[in-house]
Protein backbone atom coordinates (compact mmCIF):
# COMPACT_ATOMS: atom_id res chain seq x y z
CA MET A 1 -71.34 -37.86 197.40
CA PHE A 2 -73.15 -35.11 199.24
CA HIS A 3 -74.26 -32.10 197.26
CA LYS A 4 -74.55 -28.76 199.01
CA ILE A 5 -76.90 -26.01 197.92
CA THR A 6 -75.17 -22.65 197.62
CA SER A 7 -77.92 -20.53 196.07
CA LEU A 8 -81.69 -20.71 195.83
CA ALA A 9 -84.50 -18.93 194.03
CA THR A 10 -88.23 -19.58 194.02
CA HIS A 11 -90.10 -19.20 190.75
CA PRO A 12 -93.81 -19.14 189.88
CA ASP A 13 -95.77 -22.37 189.74
CA TYR A 14 -93.83 -23.93 192.66
CA ILE A 15 -90.49 -24.25 190.91
CA LEU A 16 -87.20 -24.09 192.81
CA LEU A 17 -83.90 -23.19 191.19
CA ALA A 18 -80.95 -24.38 193.23
CA GLY A 19 -77.25 -23.84 192.66
CA PHE A 20 -74.83 -26.44 194.01
CA ASP A 21 -71.26 -26.40 195.21
CA ASP A 22 -70.09 -28.27 192.11
CA GLY A 23 -71.31 -25.44 189.86
CA GLU A 24 -74.44 -27.29 188.71
CA PHE A 25 -77.90 -25.73 188.74
CA ARG A 26 -81.08 -27.79 189.10
CA GLN A 27 -84.69 -26.84 188.57
CA PHE A 28 -87.07 -28.73 190.84
CA ASP A 29 -90.84 -28.84 190.39
CA LEU A 30 -92.64 -29.19 193.73
CA LYS A 31 -96.12 -29.78 192.24
CA PRO A 32 -95.85 -33.61 192.32
CA LEU A 33 -94.92 -33.47 196.01
CA ILE A 34 -97.74 -31.03 196.71
CA LYS A 35 -100.21 -33.46 195.12
CA LYS A 36 -98.78 -36.55 196.80
CA TYR A 37 -97.87 -35.44 200.34
CA THR A 38 -100.22 -33.53 202.62
CA PRO A 39 -97.51 -31.45 204.38
CA PHE A 40 -96.39 -29.96 201.05
CA ARG A 41 -99.94 -28.68 200.41
CA SER A 42 -99.26 -25.97 202.97
CA LEU A 43 -97.07 -24.33 200.30
CA THR A 44 -100.27 -23.56 198.38
CA GLU A 45 -102.49 -22.93 201.40
CA ILE A 46 -100.36 -20.54 203.46
CA ASN A 47 -99.89 -17.22 201.71
CA GLY A 48 -96.21 -16.47 201.12
CA LEU A 49 -94.84 -19.73 202.56
CA PHE A 50 -93.38 -21.00 199.28
CA SER A 51 -91.41 -17.82 198.66
CA ASN A 52 -89.90 -18.07 202.17
CA ALA A 53 -87.76 -21.09 201.21
CA LYS A 54 -84.33 -20.97 202.84
CA ILE A 55 -81.18 -23.02 202.46
CA ASP A 56 -80.62 -25.16 205.58
CA ALA A 57 -77.46 -24.62 207.61
CA GLY A 58 -74.63 -26.32 205.79
CA GLY A 59 -76.50 -26.38 202.48
CA TYR A 60 -77.85 -29.91 202.88
CA GLY A 61 -81.47 -29.03 202.20
CA ILE A 62 -84.19 -26.44 201.74
CA ALA A 63 -86.62 -25.60 204.52
CA TRP A 64 -89.79 -23.55 204.80
CA ASN A 65 -90.44 -24.09 208.50
CA ASP A 66 -89.71 -26.65 211.25
CA ASP A 67 -92.11 -29.15 209.66
CA LEU A 68 -91.41 -28.80 205.96
CA ASP A 69 -88.14 -29.37 204.13
CA ILE A 70 -86.49 -31.26 201.29
CA SER A 71 -82.98 -32.63 201.05
CA ALA A 72 -80.32 -31.24 198.74
CA GLU A 73 -79.80 -34.77 197.39
CA SER A 74 -83.46 -35.03 196.36
CA VAL A 75 -83.31 -31.70 194.55
CA TYR A 76 -80.04 -32.64 192.83
CA GLU A 77 -81.01 -36.19 191.82
CA GLN A 78 -84.64 -35.51 190.85
CA GLY A 79 -84.20 -31.99 189.52
CA THR A 80 -83.56 -31.04 185.93
CA ALA A 81 -80.11 -29.72 185.06
CA VAL A 82 -80.26 -26.16 183.71
CA SER A 83 -77.67 -23.63 182.67
CA ALA A 84 -76.52 -21.02 185.15
CA PRO A 85 -79.06 -18.21 185.46
CA HIS A 86 -78.18 -14.55 185.46
CA ASP A 87 -80.36 -13.63 188.45
CA ILE A 88 -79.20 -16.03 191.20
């Protein structure tokens, strides 16, 4: 099953909050990826890059630029389920 992201918010400390087409919300911590994969370090090194996260066309991922993205499936499967927020 493919999950599509319908809403997205960035939060301090490199946390993403994504809403999905099935009504679920997932919180995803990017810090492990930042530590493990060199391309993700640019989120900490380039001022404002993290907060520029956008939902890819179709909702199948999150992208920051042409070189840095993450799939909706990764966020859904590895993220933590949270209740629906009031600000997204």
